[in-house]
Amino acid sequence: MKTSNRLESAIKKLYTAYYSNQLFPECCKQCAVGNILDKTDGWKHLSDYHGALQLNYIGRVHQNLGRKFNGYSPLELLQIEAVFLTACGYQLPLHHKNNKPKNPNDNDVLFDGLIAVIGFLCELDGVSNTMDYTKCFELKNDSPKYELELSF
């Protein structure tokens, strides 16, 4: 499977952030998009609210100019972040009155977000999900079937 440079780079950065405890949903530099964009927060000026899917004036200008940030358009960046936050259990957009996970730093919460984002990034690039483990359990027609004998 051939993947794009942007996909490979984004996945590498997200894995690195996750395994080095530098993935944090509420920080614009350490969230999914912040990590994809090299721990910068300039992307937050593309919308009015963290987690929003609507581009603001600045975001629309960049989108209409065909601007890319590490290979992703402004609208794609907002979608990536929304997928991440939603999978982590946040109600969008981020706001102190909206629901959020009890422990946003929990590894299970962050892993759910990581898995969702990687799946979405693969979808954006039109490649099969690299995190789809169900293929490992599929039996091919010519492969032998194993039966498990249980003795008690």
C-alpha atoms as a PDB file:
ATOM      1  CA  MET A   1       0.000   0.000   0.000  1.00  0.00           C
ATOM      2  CA  LYS A   2       1.461   3.353  -1.062  1.00  0.00           C
ATOM      3  CA  THR A   3       0.822   6.205   1.334  1.00  0.00           C
ATOM      4  CA  SER A   4       1.406   9.909   0.961  1.00  0.00           C
ATOM      5  CA  ASN A   5       4.186  11.795   2.701  1.00  0.00           C
ATOM      6  CA  ARG A   6       1.639  13.809   4.649  1.00  0.00           C
ATOM      7  CA  LEU A   7      -0.026  10.650   5.979  1.00  0.00           C
ATOM      8  CA  GLU A   8       3.235   8.982   6.972  1.00  0.00           C
ATOM      9  CA  SER A   9       4.478  12.154   8.639  1.00  0.00           C
ATOM     10  CA  ALA A  10       1.202  12.740  10.510  1.00  0.00           C
ATOM     11  CA  ILE A  11       1.019   9.163  11.793  1.00  0.00           C
ATOM     12  CA  LYS A  12       4.631   9.258  12.934  1.00  0.00           C
ATOM     13  CA  LYS A  13       4.080  12.536  14.797  1.00  0.00           C
ATOM     14  CA  LEU A  14       0.883  11.275  16.441  1.00  0.00           C
ATOM     15  CA  TYR A  15       2.494   8.012  17.562  1.00  0.00           C
ATOM     16  CA  THR A  16       5.481   9.894  18.921  1.00  0.00           C
ATOM     17  CA  ALA A  17       3.230  12.289  20.813  1.00  0.00           C
ATOM     18  CA  TYR A  18       1.121   9.459  22.234  1.00  0.00           C
ATOM     19  CA  TYR A  19       4.057   7.349  23.398  1.00  0.00           C
ATOM     20  CA  SER A  20       5.957  10.317  24.835  1.00  0.00           C
ATOM     21  CA  ASN A  21       2.898  11.613  26.751  1.00  0.00           C
ATOM     22  CA  GLN A  22       2.683  14.757  24.630  1.00  0.00           C
ATOM     23  CA  LEU A  23      -0.826  14.245  23.299  1.00  0.00           C
ATOM     24  CA  PHE A  24      -3.346  16.397  25.159  1.00  0.00           C
ATOM     25  CA  PRO A  25      -6.743  17.297  23.674  1.00  0.00           C
ATOM     26  CA  GLU A  26      -7.236  20.669  25.328  1.00  0.00           C
ATOM     27  CA  CYS A  27      -3.914  22.195  24.279  1.00  0.00           C
ATOM     28  CA  CYS A  28      -3.703  23.620  20.756  1.00  0.00           C
ATOM     29  CA  LYS A  29      -0.017  22.647  20.550  1.00  0.00           C
ATOM     30  CA  GLN A  30      -0.408  19.104  21.916  1.00  0.00           C
ATOM     31  CA  CYS A  31      -3.723  18.049  20.401  1.00  0.00           C
ATOM     32  CA  ALA A  32      -3.896  15.972  17.225  1.00  0.00           C
ATOM     33  CA  VAL A  33      -3.548  18.916  14.831  1.00  0.00           C
ATOM     34  CA  GLY A  34      -1.005  20.697  17.016  1.00  0.00           C
ATOM     35  CA  ASN A  35       1.222  17.636  16.862  1.00  0.00           C
ATOM     36  CA  ILE A  36       0.695  17.170  13.122  1.00  0.00           C
ATOM     37  CA  LEU A  37       1.759  20.798  12.689  1.00  0.00           C
ATOM     38  CA  ASP A  38       4.978  20.353  14.675  1.00  0.00           C
ATOM     39  CA  LYS A  39       3.616  21.474  18.046  1.00  0.00           C
ATOM     40  CA  THR A  40       2.492  24.874  16.809  1.00  0.00           C
ATOM     41  CA  ASP A  41      -0.809  26.570  17.541  1.00  0.00           C
ATOM     42  CA  GLY A  42      -1.182  28.909  14.566  1.00  0.00           C
ATOM     43  CA  TRP A  43      -3.932  26.642  13.219  1.00  0.00           C
ATOM     44  CA  LYS A  44      -6.262  27.800  16.006  1.00  0.00           C
ATOM     45  CA  HIS A  45      -6.778  31.055  14.103  1.00  0.00           C
ATOM     46  CA  LEU A  46      -8.560  29.164  11.297  1.00  0.00           C
ATOM     47  CA  SER A  47     -11.779  28.932  13.348  1.00  0.00           C
ATOM     48  CA  ASP A  48     -13.341  30.780  16.232  1.00  0.00           C
ATOM     49  CA  TYR A  49     -13.510  27.802  18.601  1.00  0.00           C
ATOM     50  CA  HIS A  50     -11.335  24.776  19.305  1.00  0.00           C
ATOM     51  CA  GLY A  51     -13.227  21.849  17.840  1.00  0.00           C
ATOM     52  CA  ALA A  52     -15.410  23.896  15.506  1.00  0.00           C
ATOM     53  CA  LEU A  53     -15.907  22.713  11.932  1.00  0.00           C
ATOM     54  CA  GLN A  54     -16.584  26.171  10.505  1.00  0.00           C
ATOM     55  CA  LEU A  55     -13.719  28.177   9.089  1.00  0.00           C
ATOM     56  CA  ASN A  56     -13.650  31.814  10.155  1.00  0.00           C
ATOM     57  CA  TYR A  57     -12.616  34.621   7.796  1.00  0.00           C
ATOM     58  CA  ILE A  58      -8.900  33.842   8.098  1.00  0.00           C
ATOM     59  CA  GLY A  59      -9.559  30.140   7.595  1.00  0.00           C
ATOM     60  CA  ARG A  60     -11.693  30.766   4.508  1.00  0.00           C
ATOM     61  CA  VAL A  61      -9.010  33.004   2.995  1.00  0.00           C
ATOM     62  CA  HIS A  62      -6.369  30.297   3.461  1.00  0.00           C
ATOM     63  CA  GLN A  63      -8.774  27.628   2.156  1.00  0.00           C
ATOM     64  CA  ASN A  64      -9.671  29.681  -0.930  1.00  0.00           C
ATOM     65  CA  LEU A  65      -6.011  30.368  -1.657  1.00  0.00           C
ATOM     66  CA  GLY A  66      -5.370  26.615  -1.614  1.00  0.00           C
ATOM     67  CA  ARG A  67      -3.049  26.910   1.347  1.00  0.00           C
ATOM     68  CA  LYS A  68      -1.760  23.657   2.889  1.00  0.00           C
ATOM     69  CA  PHE A  69      -0.269  23.142   6.323  1.00  0.00           C
ATOM     70  CA  ASN A  70       2.003  20.089   6.361  1.00  0.00           C
ATOM     71  CA  GLY A  71      -0.091  18.856   3.439  1.00  0.00           C
ATOM     72  CA  TYR A  72      -3.535  19.503   4.941  1.00  0.00           C
ATOM     73  CA  SER A  73      -6.021  22.216   4.012  1.00  0.00           C
ATOM     74  CA  PRO A  74      -7.555  24.396   6.744  1.00  0.00           C
ATOM     75  CA  LEU A  75     -10.865  22.537   6.498  1.00  0.00           C
ATOM     76  CA  GLU A  76      -9.128  19.155   6.750  1.00  0.00           C
ATOM     77  CA  LEU A  77      -7.302  20.340   9.874  1.00  0.00           C
ATOM     78  CA  LEU A  78     -10.577  21.321  11.547  1.00  0.00           C
ATOM     79  CA  GLN A  79     -12.091  17.954  10.605  1.00  0.00           C
ATOM     80  CA  ILE A  80      -9.073  16.076  11.982  1.00  0.00           C
ATOM     81  CA  GLU A  81      -9.320  17.914  15.284  1.00  0.00           C
ATOM     82  CA  ALA A  82     -13.079  17.368  15.521  1.00  0.00           C
ATOM     83  CA  VAL A  83     -12.609  13.617  14.962  1.00  0.00           C
ATOM     84  CA  PHE A  84      -9.926  13.520  17.655  1.00  0.00           C
ATOM     85  CA  LEU A  85     -11.909  15.469  20.238  1.00  0.00           C
ATOM     86  CA  THR A  86     -15.131  13.561  19.605  1.00  0.00           C
ATOM     87  CA  ALA A  87     -13.366  10.206  19.912  1.00  0.00           C
ATOM     88  CA  CYS A  88     -11.827  11.380  23.189  1.00  0.00           C
ATOM     89  CA  GLY A  89     -15.327  12.084  24.533  1.00  0.00           C
ATOM     90  CA  TYR A  90     -15.604  15.844  24.155  1.00  0.00           C
ATOM     91  CA  GLN A  91     -18.734  17.719  23.181  1.00  0.00           C
ATOM     92  CA  LEU A  92     -17.805  20.203  20.469  1.00  0.00           C
ATOM     93  CA  PRO A  93     -16.732  22.909  20.395  1.00  0.00           C
ATOM     94  CA  LEU A  94     -14.569  22.897  23.507  1.00  0.00           C
ATOM     95  CA  HIS A  95     -16.213  25.023  26.149  1.00  0.00           C
ATOM     96  CA  HIS A  96     -16.163  24.828  29.924  1.00  0.00           C
ATOM     97  CA  LYS A  97     -19.922  24.152  29.939  1.00  0.00           C
ATOM     98  CA  ASN A  98     -19.765  21.313  27.397  1.00  0.00           C
ATOM     99  CA  ASN A  99     -19.206  17.677  28.307  1.00  0.00           C
ATOM    100  CA  LYS A 100     -15.688  16.321  28.428  1.00  0.00           C
ATOM    101  CA  PRO A 101     -14.042  13.115  29.651  1.00  0.00           C
ATOM    102  CA  LYS A 102     -13.453  12.805  33.384  1.00  0.00           C
ATOM    103  CA  ASN A 103      -9.749  12.218  32.815  1.00  0.00           C
ATOM    104  CA  PRO A 104      -8.591  13.647  29.464  1.00  0.00           C
ATOM    105  CA  ASN A 105      -5.057  12.342  30.121  1.00  0.00           C
ATOM    106  CA  ASP A 106      -6.205   8.730  30.440  1.00  0.00           C
ATOM    107  CA  ASN A 107      -4.314   6.492  28.008  1.00  0.00           C
ATOM    108  CA  ASP A 108      -7.525   4.773  26.895  1.00  0.00           C
ATOM    109  CA  VAL A 109      -9.156   8.116  26.093  1.00  0.00           C
ATOM    110  CA  LEU A 110      -6.119   9.289  24.144  1.00  0.00           C
ATOM    111  CA  PHE A 111      -5.796   5.945  22.365  1.00  0.00           C
ATOM    112  CA  ASP A 112      -9.423   6.156  21.228  1.00  0.00           C
ATOM    113  CA  GLY A 113      -8.665   9.589  19.808  1.00  0.00           C
ATOM    114  CA  LEU A 114      -5.461   8.383  18.165  1.00  0.00           C
ATOM    115  CA  ILE A 115      -7.188   5.428  16.502  1.00  0.00           C
ATOM    116  CA  ALA A 116     -10.030   7.611  15.213  1.00  0.00           C
ATOM    117  CA  VAL A 117      -7.672  10.227  13.795  1.00  0.00           C
ATOM    118  CA  ILE A 118      -5.483   7.678  12.037  1.00  0.00           C
ATOM    119  CA  GLY A 119      -8.569   6.115  10.486  1.00  0.00           C
ATOM    120  CA  PHE A 120      -9.742   9.537   9.311  1.00  0.00           C
ATOM    121  CA  LEU A 121      -6.316  10.445   7.914  1.00  0.00           C
ATOM    122  CA  CYS A 122      -6.313   7.198   5.933  1.00  0.00           C
ATOM    123  CA  GLU A 123      -9.807   8.011   4.673  1.00  0.00           C
ATOM    124  CA  LEU A 124      -8.663  11.477   3.548  1.00  0.00           C
ATOM    125  CA  ASP A 125      -5.869   9.872   1.529  1.00  0.00           C
ATOM    126  CA  GLY A 126      -8.081   7.117   0.133  1.00  0.00           C
ATOM    127  CA  VAL A 127      -6.057   4.268   1.624  1.00  0.00           C
ATOM    128  CA  SER A 128      -7.180   1.425   3.840  1.00  0.00           C
ATOM    129  CA  ASN A 129      -7.022   2.094   7.553  1.00  0.00           C
ATOM    130  CA  THR A 130      -3.604   1.105   8.878  1.00  0.00           C
ATOM    131  CA  MET A 131      -5.179   0.497  12.291  1.00  0.00           C
ATOM    132  CA  ASP A 132      -7.821  -1.949  11.022  1.00  0.00           C
ATOM    133  CA  TYR A 133      -6.888  -5.085  12.917  1.00  0.00           C
ATOM    134  CA  THR A 134      -9.916  -7.078  11.701  1.00  0.00           C
ATOM    135  CA  LYS A 135      -7.990  -8.100   8.585  1.00  0.00           C
ATOM    136  CA  CYS A 136      -5.679 -10.117  10.824  1.00  0.00           C
ATOM    137  CA  PHE A 137      -8.565 -12.373  11.791  1.00  0.00           C
ATOM    138  CA  GLU A 138      -9.975 -13.015   8.325  1.00  0.00           C
ATOM    139  CA  LEU A 139      -9.449 -16.499   6.911  1.00  0.00           C
ATOM    140  CA  LYS A 140      -8.721 -16.909   3.254  1.00  0.00           C
ATOM    141  CA  ASN A 141     -10.554 -19.615   1.324  1.00  0.00           C
ATOM    142  CA  ASP A 142      -7.382 -21.638   0.800  1.00  0.00           C
ATOM    143  CA  SER A 143      -6.111 -21.372   4.364  1.00  0.00           C
ATOM    144  CA  PRO A 144      -6.691 -24.253   6.744  1.00  0.00           C
ATOM    145  CA  LYS A 145      -9.319 -23.846   9.408  1.00  0.00           C
ATOM    146  CA  TYR A 146      -8.245 -24.634  12.888  1.00  0.00           C
ATOM    147  CA  GLU A 147     -10.537 -26.051  15.455  1.00  0.00           C
ATOM    148  CA  LEU A 148      -9.888 -25.709  19.095  1.00  0.00           C
ATOM    149  CA  GLU A 149     -10.298 -28.832  21.195  1.00  0.00           C
ATOM    150  CA  LEU A 150     -11.136 -28.214  24.787  1.00  0.00           C
ATOM    151  CA  SER A 151     -10.625 -30.888  27.368  1.00  0.00           C
ATOM    152  CA  PHE A 152     -11.810 -30.544  30.883  1.00  0.00           C
END
